[in-house]
């Protein structure tokens, strides 16, 4: 995680390789469409890249923090997806 905080792209790739299936499963669980999952995953991993220093400072392991971030991110996308559907029906 220290290398990711320093902006090391290879370290980001290693973390992504280790956690992409878990984060994908979380997003898929919360979101209805493949497009929504893809959008959420892009946003999640961009957030992780941009906020690595903050994530590294949180209590718990970096991996558990990334998984928790994925859960929150997917829930947020699910709420916005639901609101968008409701407003298009109204």
C-alpha atoms as a PDB file:
ATOM      1  CA  UNK A   1       0.000   0.000   0.000  1.00  0.00           C
ATOM      2  CA  UNK A   2       2.920   2.326   0.684  1.00  0.00           C
ATOM      3  CA  UNK A   3       4.010   2.009  -2.941  1.00  0.00           C
ATOM      4  CA  UNK A   4       0.475   2.794  -4.108  1.00  0.00           C
ATOM      5  CA  UNK A   5       0.428   5.888  -1.885  1.00  0.00           C
ATOM      6  CA  UNK A   6       3.663   6.947  -3.616  1.00  0.00           C
ATOM      7  CA  UNK A   7       1.917   6.675  -6.999  1.00  0.00           C
ATOM      8  CA  UNK A   8       3.439   3.391  -8.103  1.00  0.00           C
ATOM      9  CA  UNK A   9       1.289   2.072 -10.955  1.00  0.00           C
ATOM     10  CA  UNK A  10       2.676  -1.457 -10.654  1.00  0.00           C
ATOM     11  CA  UNK A  11       1.597  -1.559  -6.993  1.00  0.00           C
ATOM     12  CA  UNK A  12      -1.867  -0.386  -8.044  1.00  0.00           C
ATOM     13  CA  UNK A  13      -1.964  -3.182 -10.618  1.00  0.00           C
ATOM     14  CA  UNK A  14      -0.997  -5.773  -8.025  1.00  0.00           C
ATOM     15  CA  UNK A  15      -3.696  -4.610  -5.607  1.00  0.00           C
ATOM     16  CA  UNK A  16      -6.234  -4.496  -8.432  1.00  0.00           C
ATOM     17  CA  UNK A  17      -5.298  -8.032  -9.486  1.00  0.00           C
ATOM     18  CA  UNK A  18      -5.775  -9.268  -5.928  1.00  0.00           C
ATOM     19  CA  UNK A  19      -9.084  -7.508  -5.230  1.00  0.00           C
ATOM     20  CA  UNK A  20     -10.865  -6.966  -8.549  1.00  0.00           C
ATOM     21  CA  UNK A  21     -12.941 -10.149  -8.334  1.00  0.00           C
ATOM     22  CA  UNK A  22     -14.126  -9.355  -4.816  1.00  0.00           C
ATOM     23  CA  UNK A  23     -14.942  -5.747  -5.674  1.00  0.00           C
ATOM     24  CA  UNK A  24     -16.683  -6.831  -8.870  1.00  0.00           C
ATOM     25  CA  UNK A  25     -18.818  -9.309  -6.902  1.00  0.00           C
ATOM     26  CA  UNK A  26     -19.780  -6.582  -4.433  1.00  0.00           C
ATOM     27  CA  UNK A  27     -20.783  -4.199  -7.230  1.00  0.00           C
ATOM     28  CA  UNK A  28     -22.661  -6.954  -9.055  1.00  0.00           C
ATOM     29  CA  UNK A  29     -24.560  -7.816  -5.877  1.00  0.00           C
ATOM     30  CA  UNK A  30     -25.829  -4.247  -5.492  1.00  0.00           C
ATOM     31  CA  UNK A  31     -26.330  -3.134  -9.088  1.00  0.00           C
ATOM     32  CA  UNK A  32     -28.831  -4.253 -11.661  1.00  0.00           C
ATOM     33  CA  UNK A  33     -27.004  -3.926 -14.945  1.00  0.00           C
ATOM     34  CA  UNK A  34     -23.606  -4.807 -16.313  1.00  0.00           C
ATOM     35  CA  UNK A  35     -23.179  -1.187 -17.453  1.00  0.00           C
ATOM     36  CA  UNK A  36     -23.826   0.040 -13.908  1.00  0.00           C
ATOM     37  CA  UNK A  37     -21.292  -2.457 -12.537  1.00  0.00           C
ATOM     38  CA  UNK A  38     -18.687  -1.343 -15.064  1.00  0.00           C
ATOM     39  CA  UNK A  39     -19.273   2.317 -14.221  1.00  0.00           C
ATOM     40  CA  UNK A  40     -19.099   1.614 -10.487  1.00  0.00           C
ATOM     41  CA  UNK A  41     -15.891  -0.383 -10.864  1.00  0.00           C
ATOM     42  CA  UNK A  42     -14.212   2.376 -12.862  1.00  0.00           C
ATOM     43  CA  UNK A  43     -15.250   4.942 -10.277  1.00  0.00           C
ATOM     44  CA  UNK A  44     -14.196   2.737  -7.373  1.00  0.00           C
ATOM     45  CA  UNK A  45     -10.711   2.048  -8.655  1.00  0.00           C
ATOM     46  CA  UNK A  46     -10.184   5.672  -9.659  1.00  0.00           C
ATOM     47  CA  UNK A  47     -11.220   6.642  -6.116  1.00  0.00           C
ATOM     48  CA  UNK A  48      -8.774   4.114  -4.669  1.00  0.00           C
ATOM     49  CA  UNK A  49      -5.958   5.483  -6.837  1.00  0.00           C
ATOM     50  CA  UNK A  50      -6.737   9.095  -5.938  1.00  0.00           C
ATOM     51  CA  UNK A  51      -7.314   8.448  -2.219  1.00  0.00           C
ATOM     52  CA  UNK A  52      -4.710   5.791  -1.446  1.00  0.00           C
ATOM     53  CA  UNK A  53      -3.042   7.903   1.247  1.00  0.00           C
ATOM     54  CA  UNK A  54      -6.317   8.381   3.112  1.00  0.00           C
ATOM     55  CA  UNK A  55      -7.255   4.697   2.770  1.00  0.00           C
ATOM     56  CA  UNK A  56      -3.832   3.673   4.092  1.00  0.00           C
ATOM     57  CA  UNK A  57      -4.398   5.751   7.240  1.00  0.00           C
ATOM     58  CA  UNK A  58      -7.707   4.113   8.185  1.00  0.00           C
ATOM     59  CA  UNK A  59      -7.856   1.521  10.949  1.00  0.00           C
ATOM     60  CA  UNK A  60      -7.807  -2.051   9.704  1.00  0.00           C
ATOM     61  CA  UNK A  61      -5.924  -3.611   6.856  1.00  0.00           C
ATOM     62  CA  UNK A  62      -5.695  -1.825   3.511  1.00  0.00           C
ATOM     63  CA  UNK A  63      -7.489  -4.769   1.914  1.00  0.00           C
ATOM     64  CA  UNK A  64     -10.426  -4.595   4.325  1.00  0.00           C
ATOM     65  CA  UNK A  65     -10.582  -0.840   3.782  1.00  0.00           C
ATOM     66  CA  UNK A  66     -10.741  -1.307   0.020  1.00  0.00           C
ATOM     67  CA  UNK A  67     -13.471  -3.930   0.384  1.00  0.00           C
ATOM     68  CA  UNK A  68     -15.439  -1.630   2.703  1.00  0.00           C
ATOM     69  CA  UNK A  69     -14.976   1.213   0.211  1.00  0.00           C
ATOM     70  CA  UNK A  70     -16.288  -1.036  -2.564  1.00  0.00           C
ATOM     71  CA  UNK A  71     -19.357  -1.848  -0.481  1.00  0.00           C
ATOM     72  CA  UNK A  72     -20.101   1.830   0.192  1.00  0.00           C
ATOM     73  CA  UNK A  73     -19.407   2.762  -3.412  1.00  0.00           C
ATOM     74  CA  UNK A  74     -21.721   0.054  -4.766  1.00  0.00           C
ATOM     75  CA  UNK A  75     -24.489   1.024  -2.340  1.00  0.00           C
ATOM     76  CA  UNK A  76     -24.192   4.667  -3.424  1.00  0.00           C
ATOM     77  CA  UNK A  77     -24.411   3.686  -7.086  1.00  0.00           C
ATOM     78  CA  UNK A  78     -27.401   1.461  -6.370  1.00  0.00           C
ATOM     79  CA  UNK A  79     -29.214   4.353  -4.675  1.00  0.00           C
ATOM     80  CA  UNK A  80     -28.478   6.739  -7.536  1.00  0.00           C
ATOM     81  CA  UNK A  81     -29.496   4.087 -10.067  1.00  0.00           C
ATOM     82  CA  UNK A  82     -32.773   3.596  -8.200  1.00  0.00           C
ATOM     83  CA  UNK A  83     -33.425   7.335  -8.013  1.00  0.00           C
ATOM     84  CA  UNK A  84     -32.760   7.682 -11.734  1.00  0.00           C
ATOM     85  CA  UNK A  85     -35.278   4.927 -12.498  1.00  0.00           C
ATOM     86  CA  UNK A  86     -37.878   6.528 -10.218  1.00  0.00           C
ATOM     87  CA  UNK A  87     -37.477   9.956 -11.780  1.00  0.00           C
ATOM     88  CA  UNK A  88     -37.713   8.558 -15.311  1.00  0.00           C
ATOM     89  CA  UNK A  89     -40.993   6.817 -14.421  1.00  0.00           C
ATOM     90  CA  UNK A  90     -42.496   9.930 -12.862  1.00  0.00           C
END
